[in-house]
C-alpha atoms as a PDB file:
ATOM      1  CA  MET A   1       0.000   0.000   0.000  1.00  0.00           C
ATOM      2  CA  GLN A   2       1.607   3.225  -1.164  1.00  0.00           C
ATOM      3  CA  PRO A   3       1.605   6.227   1.183  1.00  0.00           C
ATOM      4  CA  SER A   4      -0.662   9.051   0.059  1.00  0.00           C
ATOM      5  CA  GLU A   5       0.960  12.040  -1.611  1.00  0.00           C
ATOM      6  CA  PRO A   6       0.693  15.299   0.350  1.00  0.00           C
ATOM      7  CA  ARG A   7      -1.482  17.957  -1.285  1.00  0.00           C
ATOM      8  CA  LEU A   8       0.742  20.997  -1.325  1.00  0.00           C
ATOM      9  CA  THR A   9       0.064  24.447  -2.704  1.00  0.00           C
ATOM     10  CA  PHE A  10       2.582  27.226  -3.317  1.00  0.00           C
ATOM     11  CA  VAL A  11       1.544  30.857  -3.815  1.00  0.00           C
ATOM     12  CA  SER A  12       4.624  33.046  -3.188  1.00  0.00           C
ATOM     13  CA  PRO A  13       6.685  34.784  -5.892  1.00  0.00           C
ATOM     14  CA  LEU A  14       9.010  31.749  -5.723  1.00  0.00           C
ATOM     15  CA  ALA A  15       6.169  29.233  -5.897  1.00  0.00           C
ATOM     16  CA  GLU A  16       7.240  27.799  -9.250  1.00  0.00           C
ATOM     17  CA  TYR A  17      10.638  26.793  -7.847  1.00  0.00           C
ATOM     18  CA  CYS A  18       9.168  25.268  -4.663  1.00  0.00           C
ATOM     19  CA  ALA A  19       6.731  23.291  -6.803  1.00  0.00           C
ATOM     20  CA  GLY A  20       9.493  22.370  -9.257  1.00  0.00           C
ATOM     21  CA  LEU A  21      11.826  21.013  -6.564  1.00  0.00           C
ATOM     22  CA  TYR A  22       8.995  19.022  -5.002  1.00  0.00           C
ATOM     23  CA  ALA A  23       7.985  17.543  -8.372  1.00  0.00           C
ATOM     24  CA  GLU A  24      11.599  16.662  -9.163  1.00  0.00           C
ATOM     25  CA  LYS A  25      12.110  14.821  -5.875  1.00  0.00           C
ATOM     26  CA  ARG A  26       8.853  12.910  -6.281  1.00  0.00           C
ATOM     27  CA  ALA A  27       9.790  11.961  -9.850  1.00  0.00           C
ATOM     28  CA  LEU A  28      13.114  10.612  -8.569  1.00  0.00           C
ATOM     29  CA  GLY A  29      11.230   8.300  -6.207  1.00  0.00           C
ATOM     30  CA  TYR A  30      11.604  10.189  -2.934  1.00  0.00           C
ATOM     31  CA  HIS A  31       8.573  10.377  -0.644  1.00  0.00           C
ATOM     32  CA  TYR A  32       9.666  13.898   0.309  1.00  0.00           C
ATOM     33  CA  ARG A  33       6.749  14.272   2.716  1.00  0.00           C
ATOM     34  CA  SER A  34       8.401  16.157   5.582  1.00  0.00           C
ATOM     35  CA  ALA A  35      10.583  18.147   3.181  1.00  0.00           C
ATOM     36  CA  GLY A  36       7.489  18.920   1.102  1.00  0.00           C
ATOM     37  CA  TYR A  37       5.777  20.449   4.106  1.00  0.00           C
ATOM     38  CA  LEU A  38       8.966  22.393   4.804  1.00  0.00           C
ATOM     39  CA  LEU A  39       8.805  23.766   1.242  1.00  0.00           C
ATOM     40  CA  GLN A  40       5.241  24.886   1.945  1.00  0.00           C
ATOM     41  CA  GLU A  41       6.472  26.646   5.091  1.00  0.00           C
ATOM     42  CA  LEU A  42       9.239  28.257   3.038  1.00  0.00           C
ATOM     43  CA  ASP A  43       6.666  29.412   0.498  1.00  0.00           C
ATOM     44  CA  ARG A  44       4.667  31.156   3.248  1.00  0.00           C
ATOM     45  CA  PHE A  45       7.905  32.752   4.508  1.00  0.00           C
ATOM     46  CA  PHE A  46       8.678  34.115   1.025  1.00  0.00           C
ATOM     47  CA  LEU A  47       5.165  35.525   0.814  1.00  0.00           C
ATOM     48  CA  GLU A  48       5.451  37.242   4.216  1.00  0.00           C
ATOM     49  CA  GLN A  49       8.897  38.627   3.358  1.00  0.00           C
ATOM     50  CA  HIS A  50       7.678  39.976  -0.008  1.00  0.00           C
ATOM     51  CA  ALA A  51      10.283  38.017  -1.946  1.00  0.00           C
ATOM     52  CA  GLU A  52      10.895  39.023  -5.559  1.00  0.00           C
ATOM     53  CA  PRO A  53      10.345  36.559  -8.412  1.00  0.00           C
ATOM     54  CA  HIS A  54      13.290  34.659  -9.903  1.00  0.00           C
ATOM     55  CA  VAL A  55      15.872  35.554  -7.244  1.00  0.00           C
ATOM     56  CA  LEU A  56      16.835  34.172  -3.827  1.00  0.00           C
ATOM     57  CA  PRO A  57      19.148  36.746  -2.206  1.00  0.00           C
ATOM     58  CA  LYS A  58      21.583  36.056   0.614  1.00  0.00           C
ATOM     59  CA  ALA A  59      19.793  38.359   3.062  1.00  0.00           C
ATOM     60  CA  LEU A  60      16.540  36.424   2.660  1.00  0.00           C
ATOM     61  CA  VAL A  61      18.313  33.089   3.101  1.00  0.00           C
ATOM     62  CA  GLN A  62      20.126  34.275   6.209  1.00  0.00           C
ATOM     63  CA  CYS A  63      16.853  35.502   7.674  1.00  0.00           C
ATOM     64  CA  TRP A  64      15.396  32.010   7.215  1.00  0.00           C
ATOM     65  CA  THR A  65      18.457  30.132   8.488  1.00  0.00           C
ATOM     66  CA  THR A  66      18.791  32.139  11.714  1.00  0.00           C
ATOM     67  CA  LYS A  67      18.269  29.751  14.612  1.00  0.00           C
ATOM     68  CA  ARG A  68      14.958  30.325  16.360  1.00  0.00           C
ATOM     69  CA  ALA A  69      14.645  30.686  20.120  1.00  0.00           C
ATOM     70  CA  HIS A  70      14.557  27.261  21.804  1.00  0.00           C
ATOM     71  CA  GLU A  71      14.728  25.536  18.394  1.00  0.00           C
ATOM     72  CA  HIS A  72      16.124  22.015  18.464  1.00  0.00           C
ATOM     73  CA  PRO A  73      19.433  21.807  16.553  1.00  0.00           C
ATOM     74  CA  GLY A  74      18.057  18.945  14.456  1.00  0.00           C
ATOM     75  CA  ASN A  75      15.114  21.037  13.286  1.00  0.00           C
ATOM     76  CA  HIS A  76      17.453  23.943  12.568  1.00  0.00           C
ATOM     77  CA  ARG A  77      19.648  21.766  10.353  1.00  0.00           C
ATOM     78  CA  PHE A  78      16.533  20.469   8.604  1.00  0.00           C
ATOM     79  CA  ARG A  79      15.412  24.008   7.762  1.00  0.00           C
ATOM     80  CA  VAL A  80      18.887  24.975   6.539  1.00  0.00           C
ATOM     81  CA  GLY A  81      19.014  21.881   4.350  1.00  0.00           C
ATOM     82  CA  GLY A  82      15.594  22.630   2.885  1.00  0.00           C
ATOM     83  CA  ILE A  83      16.418  26.116   1.659  1.00  0.00           C
ATOM     84  CA  ARG A  84      19.844  24.918   0.472  1.00  0.00           C
ATOM     85  CA  GLN A  85      18.205  22.293  -1.753  1.00  0.00           C
ATOM     86  CA  LEU A  86      15.817  24.916  -3.095  1.00  0.00           C
ATOM     87  CA  ALA A  87      18.680  27.326  -3.838  1.00  0.00           C
ATOM     88  CA  LEU A  88      20.660  24.650  -5.680  1.00  0.00           C
ATOM     89  CA  PHE A  89      17.554  23.741  -7.678  1.00  0.00           C
ATOM     90  CA  MET A  90      17.102  27.397  -8.660  1.00  0.00           C
ATOM     91  CA  VAL A  91      20.750  27.642  -9.707  1.00  0.00           C
ATOM     92  CA  ARG A  92      20.230  24.625 -11.973  1.00  0.00           C
ATOM     93  CA  GLN A  93      17.383  26.563 -13.569  1.00  0.00           C
ATOM     94  CA  GLY A  94      19.751  29.460 -14.290  1.00  0.00           C
ATOM     95  CA  VAL A  95      18.386  31.659 -11.487  1.00  0.00           C
ATOM     96  CA  MET A  96      20.436  33.743  -9.060  1.00  0.00           C
ATOM     97  CA  ALA A  97      20.182  32.090  -5.648  1.00  0.00           C
ATOM     98  CA  TYR A  98      22.359  31.984  -2.546  1.00  0.00           C
ATOM     99  CA  ALA A  99      22.938  28.486  -1.142  1.00  0.00           C
ATOM    100  CA  PRO A 100      23.833  28.351   2.579  1.00  0.00           C
ATOM    101  CA  PRO A 101      26.707  26.133   3.749  1.00  0.00           C
ATOM    102  CA  PRO A 102      26.047  22.373   3.573  1.00  0.00           C
ATOM    103  CA  LEU A 103      24.628  20.525   6.539  1.00  0.00           C
ATOM    104  CA  HIS A 104      27.924  19.219   7.865  1.00  0.00           C
ATOM    105  CA  LEU A 105      29.083  22.797   8.417  1.00  0.00           C
ATOM    106  CA  VAL A 106      26.124  23.537  10.672  1.00  0.00           C
ATOM    107  CA  ALA A 107      27.104  22.692  14.232  1.00  0.00           C
ATOM    108  CA  ALA A 108      25.472  19.473  15.369  1.00  0.00           C
ATOM    109  CA  SER A 109      24.316  18.851  18.907  1.00  0.00           C
ATOM    110  CA  GLN A 110      25.784  16.079  21.003  1.00  0.00           C
ATOM    111  CA  GLN A 111      24.260  12.770  20.033  1.00  0.00           C
ATOM    112  CA  PHE A 112      21.298  11.877  22.197  1.00  0.00           C
ATOM    113  CA  ALA A 113      21.939   8.935  24.515  1.00  0.00           C
ATOM    114  CA  PRO A 114      18.904   6.639  24.368  1.00  0.00           C
ATOM    115  CA  TYR A 115      17.370   5.346  27.563  1.00  0.00           C
ATOM    116  CA  ILE A 116      17.617   1.562  27.685  1.00  0.00           C
ATOM    117  CA  PHE A 117      14.989   0.038  29.946  1.00  0.00           C
ATOM    118  CA  THR A 118      16.054  -2.858  32.124  1.00  0.00           C
ATOM    119  CA  GLN A 119      14.206  -6.152  31.854  1.00  0.00           C
ATOM    120  CA  ALA A 120      12.497  -5.425  35.188  1.00  0.00           C
ATOM    121  CA  GLU A 121      11.445  -1.959  34.026  1.00  0.00           C
ATOM    122  CA  MET A 122       9.946  -3.375  30.832  1.00  0.00           C
ATOM    123  CA  GLN A 123       7.994  -5.952  32.811  1.00  0.00           C
ATOM    124  CA  ARG A 124       6.597  -3.177  35.031  1.00  0.00           C
ATOM    125  CA  PHE A 125       5.874  -1.006  32.012  1.00  0.00           C
ATOM    126  CA  LEU A 126       3.929  -3.688  30.116  1.00  0.00           C
ATOM    127  CA  HIS A 127       2.073  -4.712  33.264  1.00  0.00           C
ATOM    128  CA  ALA A 128       1.078  -1.071  33.782  1.00  0.00           C
ATOM    129  CA  ALA A 129      -0.024  -0.896  30.131  1.00  0.00           C
ATOM    130  CA  ASP A 130      -2.331  -3.864  30.690  1.00  0.00           C
ATOM    131  CA  GLN A 131      -3.834  -2.111  33.720  1.00  0.00           C
ATOM    132  CA  VAL A 132      -4.252   1.340  32.172  1.00  0.00           C
ATOM    133  CA  ARG A 133      -7.658   2.954  32.272  1.00  0.00           C
ATOM    134  CA  THR A 134      -8.853   5.611  29.855  1.00  0.00           C
ATOM    135  CA  CYS A 135     -11.439   8.310  30.516  1.00  0.00           C
ATOM    136  CA  LYS A 136     -15.149   7.614  30.093  1.00  0.00           C
ATOM    137  CA  SER A 137     -15.287   9.554  26.829  1.00  0.00           C
ATOM    138  CA  SER A 138     -12.657   7.320  25.194  1.00  0.00           C
ATOM    139  CA  PRO A 139     -13.866   4.853  22.535  1.00  0.00           C
ATOM    140  CA  PRO A 140     -14.539   1.284  23.748  1.00  0.00           C
ATOM    141  CA  GLY A 141     -11.414  -0.850  23.767  1.00  0.00           C
ATOM    142  CA  ARG A 142      -9.020   2.114  23.636  1.00  0.00           C
ATOM    143  CA  ALA A 143      -7.066   0.894  26.691  1.00  0.00           C
ATOM    144  CA  MET A 144      -6.663  -2.575  25.187  1.00  0.00           C
ATOM    145  CA  MET A 145      -5.484  -1.069  21.900  1.00  0.00           C
ATOM    146  CA  ILE A 146      -2.865   1.115  23.606  1.00  0.00           C
ATOM    147  CA  ALA A 147      -1.551  -1.880  25.574  1.00  0.00           C
ATOM    148  CA  ALA A 148      -1.307  -3.968  22.394  1.00  0.00           C
ATOM    149  CA  ALA A 149       0.466  -1.166  20.518  1.00  0.00           C
ATOM    150  CA  PHE A 150       3.138  -0.895  23.227  1.00  0.00           C
ATOM    151  CA  ARG A 151       3.684  -4.653  23.157  1.00  0.00           C
ATOM    152  CA  VAL A 152       4.309  -4.455  19.401  1.00  0.00           C
ATOM    153  CA  LEU A 153       6.628  -1.451  19.825  1.00  0.00           C
ATOM    154  CA  TYR A 154       8.858  -3.314  22.271  1.00  0.00           C
ATOM    155  CA  GLY A 155       8.270  -6.904  21.130  1.00  0.00           C
ATOM    156  CA  CYS A 156       9.145  -6.184  17.490  1.00  0.00           C
ATOM    157  CA  GLY A 157      11.348  -3.092  17.790  1.00  0.00           C
ATOM    158  CA  LEU A 158       9.176  -1.148  15.361  1.00  0.00           C
ATOM    159  CA  ARG A 159       9.206   2.581  14.854  1.00  0.00           C
ATOM    160  CA  ALA A 160       6.139   4.337  16.281  1.00  0.00           C
ATOM    161  CA  SER A 161       5.078   5.413  12.783  1.00  0.00           C
ATOM    162  CA  GLU A 162       5.227   1.783  11.611  1.00  0.00           C
ATOM    163  CA  VAL A 163       2.947   0.663  14.426  1.00  0.00           C
ATOM    164  CA  CYS A 164       0.460   3.473  13.844  1.00  0.00           C
ATOM    165  CA  ARG A 165       0.216   2.759  10.094  1.00  0.00           C
ATOM    166  CA  LEU A 166      -0.220  -1.024  10.338  1.00  0.00           C
ATOM    167  CA  HIS A 167      -3.242  -2.253   8.370  1.00  0.00           C
ATOM    168  CA  VAL A 168      -5.342  -5.262   9.259  1.00  0.00           C
ATOM    169  CA  GLN A 169      -4.203  -7.130   6.142  1.00  0.00           C
ATOM    170  CA  GLU A 170      -0.558  -6.580   7.132  1.00  0.00           C
ATOM    171  CA  VAL A 171      -0.938  -8.476  10.425  1.00  0.00           C
ATOM    172  CA  ASP A 172      -0.920 -12.230   9.777  1.00  0.00           C
ATOM    173  CA  LEU A 173      -2.158 -13.683  13.056  1.00  0.00           C
ATOM    174  CA  ASP A 174      -1.981 -17.253  11.719  1.00  0.00           C
ATOM    175  CA  ALA A 175       1.691 -17.143  10.754  1.00  0.00           C
ATOM    176  CA  GLY A 176       2.596 -14.555  13.412  1.00  0.00           C
ATOM    177  CA  VAL A 177       4.196 -12.179  10.909  1.00  0.00           C
ATOM    178  CA  LEU A 178       3.860  -8.432  10.342  1.00  0.00           C
ATOM    179  CA  THR A 179       4.355  -6.919   6.893  1.00  0.00           C
ATOM    180  CA  ILE A 180       5.903  -3.466   7.209  1.00  0.00           C
ATOM    181  CA  ARG A 181       5.539  -1.490   3.985  1.00  0.00           C
ATOM    182  CA  GLN A 182       7.204   1.594   2.538  1.00  0.00           C
ATOM    183  CA  THR A 183       8.894   2.774   5.700  1.00  0.00           C
ATOM    184  CA  LYS A 184      12.208   4.547   6.189  1.00  0.00           C
ATOM    185  CA  PHE A 185      14.639   3.950   3.283  1.00  0.00           C
ATOM    186  CA  ASP A 186      11.621   2.852   1.123  1.00  0.00           C
ATOM    187  CA  LYS A 187      11.876  -0.690   2.440  1.00  0.00           C
ATOM    188  CA  ASP A 188       9.281  -3.408   2.870  1.00  0.00           C
ATOM    189  CA  ARG A 189      10.089  -6.133   5.362  1.00  0.00           C
ATOM    190  CA  LEU A 190       8.568  -9.110   7.140  1.00  0.00           C
ATOM    191  CA  VAL A 191       8.728  -9.061  10.938  1.00  0.00           C
ATOM    192  CA  PRO A 192       8.084 -12.390  12.724  1.00  0.00           C
ATOM    193  CA  MET A 193       6.501 -12.086  16.165  1.00  0.00           C
ATOM    194  CA  ALA A 194       7.058 -14.135  19.308  1.00  0.00           C
ATOM    195  CA  PRO A 195       4.259 -16.663  19.914  1.00  0.00           C
ATOM    196  CA  MET A 196       3.179 -14.888  23.119  1.00  0.00           C
ATOM    197  CA  LEU A 197       2.837 -11.575  21.282  1.00  0.00           C
ATOM    198  CA  THR A 198       0.886 -13.240  18.459  1.00  0.00           C
ATOM    199  CA  THR A 199      -1.508 -14.724  21.008  1.00  0.00           C
ATOM    200  CA  HIS A 200      -1.936 -11.317  22.642  1.00  0.00           C
ATOM    201  CA  LEU A 201      -2.731  -9.673  19.292  1.00  0.00           C
ATOM    202  CA  ARG A 202      -5.242 -12.390  18.419  1.00  0.00           C
ATOM    203  CA  ALA A 203      -7.129 -11.625  21.629  1.00  0.00           C
ATOM    204  CA  TYR A 204      -6.968  -7.902  20.857  1.00  0.00           C
ATOM    205  CA  ALA A 205      -8.175  -8.391  17.272  1.00  0.00           C
ATOM    206  CA  GLN A 206     -11.115 -10.569  18.308  1.00  0.00           C
ATOM    207  CA  CYS A 207     -12.233  -8.112  20.969  1.00  0.00           C
ATOM    208  CA  ARG A 208     -11.413  -4.792  19.299  1.00  0.00           C
ATOM    209  CA  LEU A 209     -11.503  -5.209  15.530  1.00  0.00           C
ATOM    210  CA  GLY A 210     -14.316  -7.679  14.895  1.00  0.00           C
ATOM    211  CA  THR A 211     -15.067  -7.629  11.173  1.00  0.00           C
ATOM    212  CA  ALA A 212     -12.835  -4.681  10.328  1.00  0.00           C
ATOM    213  CA  ALA A 213     -12.008  -4.273   6.642  1.00  0.00           C
ATOM    214  CA  PRO A 214      -8.572  -5.623   5.566  1.00  0.00           C
ATOM    215  CA  THR A 215      -7.634  -2.132   4.406  1.00  0.00           C
ATOM    216  CA  GLY A 216      -8.527  -0.634   7.796  1.00  0.00           C
ATOM    217  CA  TYR A 217      -5.927   0.233  10.392  1.00  0.00           C
ATOM    218  CA  PHE A 218      -4.989  -2.390  12.950  1.00  0.00           C
ATOM    219  CA  PHE A 219      -4.756   0.326  15.597  1.00  0.00           C
ATOM    220  CA  PRO A 220      -7.512   2.720  14.469  1.00  0.00           C
ATOM    221  CA  ALA A 221      -8.271   6.214  15.724  1.00  0.00           C
ATOM    222  CA  PRO A 222     -11.901   7.169  16.478  1.00  0.00           C
ATOM    223  CA  ASP A 223     -12.213   8.620  12.949  1.00  0.00           C
ATOM    224  CA  HIS A 224     -10.959   5.269  11.511  1.00  0.00           C
ATOM    225  CA  GLY A 225      -7.637   6.834  10.543  1.00  0.00           C
ATOM    226  CA  PRO A 226      -4.303   5.666  11.981  1.00  0.00           C
ATOM    227  CA  LEU A 227      -3.597   5.857  15.698  1.00  0.00           C
ATOM    228  CA  CYS A 228      -2.010   9.239  16.407  1.00  0.00           C
ATOM    229  CA  ARG A 229       1.593   9.184  17.614  1.00  0.00           C
ATOM    230  CA  ALA A 230       0.747  11.957  20.087  1.00  0.00           C
ATOM    231  CA  VAL A 231      -1.802   9.630  21.719  1.00  0.00           C
ATOM    232  CA  LEU A 232       0.873   6.961  22.113  1.00  0.00           C
ATOM    233  CA  TYR A 233       3.312   9.481  23.566  1.00  0.00           C
ATOM    234  CA  ALA A 234       0.743  10.754  26.093  1.00  0.00           C
ATOM    235  CA  ALA A 235       0.079   7.164  27.201  1.00  0.00           C
ATOM    236  CA  PHE A 236       3.842   6.549  27.334  1.00  0.00           C
ATOM    237  CA  ARG A 237       4.317   9.438  29.754  1.00  0.00           C
ATOM    238  CA  GLN A 238       1.417   8.199  31.865  1.00  0.00           C
ATOM    239  CA  LEU A 239       2.912   4.708  32.078  1.00  0.00           C
ATOM    240  CA  LEU A 240       6.388   6.009  32.961  1.00  0.00           C
ATOM    241  CA  TRP A 241       4.846   7.862  35.894  1.00  0.00           C
ATOM    242  CA  ALA A 242       2.914   4.752  36.952  1.00  0.00           C
ATOM    243  CA  CYS A 243       6.148   2.700  36.891  1.00  0.00           C
ATOM    244  CA  GLY A 244       8.190   5.251  38.823  1.00  0.00           C
ATOM    245  CA  ILE A 245      10.529   5.940  35.879  1.00  0.00           C
ATOM    246  CA  SER A 246      11.521   9.607  35.857  1.00  0.00           C
ATOM    247  CA  HIS A 247      11.204  11.635  32.669  1.00  0.00           C
ATOM    248  CA  GLY A 248      13.553  14.514  31.970  1.00  0.00           C
ATOM    249  CA  GLY A 249      11.129  16.369  29.718  1.00  0.00           C
ATOM    250  CA  PRO A 250      10.879  16.727  25.919  1.00  0.00           C
ATOM    251  CA  GLY A 251      14.175  15.964  24.212  1.00  0.00           C
ATOM    252  CA  LYS A 252      15.689  14.446  27.357  1.00  0.00           C
ATOM    253  CA  GLY A 253      13.899  11.120  27.496  1.00  0.00           C
ATOM    254  CA  PRO A 254      13.015   8.448  27.951  1.00  0.00           C
ATOM    255  CA  ARG A 255      11.500   8.756  24.494  1.00  0.00           C
ATOM    256  CA  LEU A 256       8.933   6.588  22.773  1.00  0.00           C
ATOM    257  CA  HIS A 257      11.651   5.610  20.281  1.00  0.00           C
ATOM    258  CA  ASP A 258      13.757   4.250  23.153  1.00  0.00           C
ATOM    259  CA  LEU A 259      11.520   1.175  23.235  1.00  0.00           C
ATOM    260  CA  ARG A 260      13.004   0.285  19.834  1.00  0.00           C
ATOM    261  CA  HIS A 261      16.543   0.833  21.152  1.00  0.00           C
ATOM    262  CA  THR A 262      15.713  -1.293  24.185  1.00  0.00           C
ATOM    263  CA  PHE A 263      14.472  -4.137  21.983  1.00  0.00           C
ATOM    264  CA  ALA A 264      17.743  -4.149  20.019  1.00  0.00           C
ATOM    265  CA  VAL A 265      19.973  -4.074  23.098  1.00  0.00           C
ATOM    266  CA  HIS A 266      17.975  -6.795  24.837  1.00  0.00           C
ATOM    267  CA  CYS A 267      18.265  -8.977  21.711  1.00  0.00           C
ATOM    268  CA  LEU A 268      22.045  -8.620  21.651  1.00  0.00           C
ATOM    269  CA  GLN A 269      22.252  -9.230  25.383  1.00  0.00           C
ATOM    270  CA  ARG A 270      20.258 -12.449  25.062  1.00  0.00           C
ATOM    271  CA  TRP A 271      22.193 -13.649  22.028  1.00  0.00           C
ATOM    272  CA  VAL A 272      25.576 -13.086  23.647  1.00  0.00           C
ATOM    273  CA  ARG A 273      24.537 -14.909  26.796  1.00  0.00           C
ATOM    274  CA  ASP A 274      23.136 -17.755  24.697  1.00  0.00           C
ATOM    275  CA  GLY A 275      26.473 -18.067  22.914  1.00  0.00           C
ATOM    276  CA  ARG A 276      25.150 -17.011  19.512  1.00  0.00           C
ATOM    277  CA  ASP A 277      27.574 -16.072  16.760  1.00  0.00           C
ATOM    278  CA  LEU A 278      27.275 -12.289  16.523  1.00  0.00           C
ATOM    279  CA  THR A 279      28.851 -12.336  13.080  1.00  0.00           C
ATOM    280  CA  ALA A 280      25.696 -14.033  11.834  1.00  0.00           C
ATOM    281  CA  ALA A 281      23.284 -12.471  14.320  1.00  0.00           C
ATOM    282  CA  LEU A 282      24.013  -8.781  13.707  1.00  0.00           C
ATOM    283  CA  PRO A 283      22.903  -8.799  10.023  1.00  0.00           C
ATOM    284  CA  VAL A 284      19.710 -10.582  11.124  1.00  0.00           C
ATOM    285  CA  LEU A 285      18.995  -7.834  13.650  1.00  0.00           C
ATOM    286  CA  SER A 286      19.787  -5.172  11.063  1.00  0.00           C
ATOM    287  CA  THR A 287      17.299  -6.675   8.599  1.00  0.00           C
ATOM    288  CA  TYR A 288      14.676  -7.177  11.296  1.00  0.00           C
ATOM    289  CA  LEU A 289      14.900  -3.503  12.325  1.00  0.00           C
ATOM    290  CA  GLY A 290      14.782  -2.304   8.728  1.00  0.00           C
ATOM    291  CA  HIS A 291      18.188  -0.612   8.799  1.00  0.00           C
ATOM    292  CA  ASN A 292      19.752   0.404   5.515  1.00  0.00           C
ATOM    293  CA  SER A 293      23.123  -1.073   6.498  1.00  0.00           C
ATOM    294  CA  LEU A 294      24.993  -2.557   9.446  1.00  0.00           C
ATOM    295  CA  TYR A 295      26.201   0.937  10.364  1.00  0.00           C
ATOM    296  CA  GLY A 296      22.842   1.788  11.921  1.00  0.00           C
ATOM    297  CA  THR A 297      22.878  -1.405  13.988  1.00  0.00           C
ATOM    298  CA  GLN A 298      26.449  -1.300  15.256  1.00  0.00           C
ATOM    299  CA  ARG A 299      25.688   1.438  17.795  1.00  0.00           C
ATOM    300  CA  TYR A 300      23.760  -1.137  19.806  1.00  0.00           C
ATOM    301  CA  LEU A 301      26.983  -3.044  20.354  1.00  0.00           C
ATOM    302  CA  ARG A 302      28.389  -0.059  22.250  1.00  0.00           C
ATOM    303  CA  LEU A 303      25.180   0.347  24.257  1.00  0.00           C
ATOM    304  CA  THR A 304      25.182  -3.358  25.105  1.00  0.00           C
ATOM    305  CA  ALA A 305      28.807  -3.292  26.205  1.00  0.00           C
ATOM    306  CA  GLU A 306      28.266  -0.184  28.369  1.00  0.00           C
ATOM    307  CA  LEU A 307      25.107  -1.433  30.072  1.00  0.00           C
ATOM    308  CA  TYR A 308      26.155  -5.044  30.596  1.00  0.00           C
ATOM    309  CA  PRO A 309      29.865  -5.138  31.529  1.00  0.00           C
ATOM    310  CA  ASP A 310      29.675  -8.876  32.143  1.00  0.00           C
ATOM    311  CA  ILE A 311      29.273  -9.515  28.431  1.00  0.00           C
ATOM    312  CA  THR A 312      31.644  -6.815  27.155  1.00  0.00           C
ATOM    313  CA  ALA A 313      34.425  -9.322  26.529  1.00  0.00           C
ATOM    314  CA  ALA A 314      32.137 -11.534  24.463  1.00  0.00           C
ATOM    315  CA  VAL A 315      30.977  -8.593  22.358  1.00  0.00           C
ATOM    316  CA  GLU A 316      34.463  -7.216  21.751  1.00  0.00           C
ATOM    317  CA  ALA A 317      35.765 -10.651  20.792  1.00  0.00           C
ATOM    318  CA  HIS A 318      33.517 -10.508  17.738  1.00  0.00           C
ATOM    319  CA  PHE A 319      33.110  -6.776  17.053  1.00  0.00           C
ATOM    320  CA  GLY A 320      35.859  -4.923  18.862  1.00  0.00           C
ATOM    321  CA  GLN A 321      36.821  -3.183  15.649  1.00  0.00           C
ATOM    322  CA  VAL A 322      33.434  -1.462  15.333  1.00  0.00           C
ATOM    323  CA  ILE A 323      33.141  -0.356  18.977  1.00  0.00           C
ATOM    324  CA  PRO A 324      35.242   2.815  19.283  1.00  0.00           C
ATOM    325  CA  GLU A 325      37.093   3.482  22.496  1.00  0.00           C
ATOM    326  CA  ARG A 326      35.616   6.268  24.625  1.00  0.00           C
ATOM    327  CA  SER A 327      37.793   9.378  24.654  1.00  0.00           C
ATOM    328  CA  ASP A 328      37.948  12.152  27.221  1.00  0.00           C
ATOM    329  CA  ARG A 329      36.519  14.506  24.602  1.00  0.00           C
END
């Protein structure tokens, strides 16, 4: 099932270039959803700043690329990259345009350290999810749906967006396999589930979904659209409080995405202790998580070694060359 194309409109004096860049990216096969919405925001900015047609001056670019108060560095880099791509597109069209420095020249923030839940914390978290109660105005079965969604997040290491967009026909409860379509890196993949999780989802489907259409969402919102990520995050915060796990606030974690990190680290921990060959196991984990290469999976080796010193030697025996030594800097 292909993701729907955003309906974007551009009305500024530079609308033709915003629309042209968006059309070019889509023609090249990029989803360009988030960047497309950024182009729409840029178009509104050009309109407010009374930009002139067929020119993108340095002063206008610098006004856009100025870091906003309290803006996350990642969002700042995203905005800089968006107007840079537009400027380069305009230059290719023979138009005068100033392109800001490339992304790697924009100072990056220190890499966020994910919160890895312990096995005991995850047991408390999932138990709390099973006991959660929603308000009286919530749709019937909402609590059961939220609990099932969190079990899939941790039990399969999925991204929150992948869980929210799951369709009924993509959840094979007979074989115990999820089909994840058109996610990050434009990949489709099959995700086998543990028997206990499959059993849990069968009970959820029988109680909550009934005769839902195959094209319907497995975790539906009240309007029959996909479950909103904000709803999951609100429930996540509620469950952290119920479990006595402190939260540092937005951007400080634990984050919803840390359930995916926890799944990966717990897999490696279990495999090392079971004596599995990590040379063969790491590519399996990479494929299971939907990573584009082993590079995205190797970070979990460092996290595993830091959190579980008793298995550090076993990890380094296989992958010492990809676990960099910590420096004072």
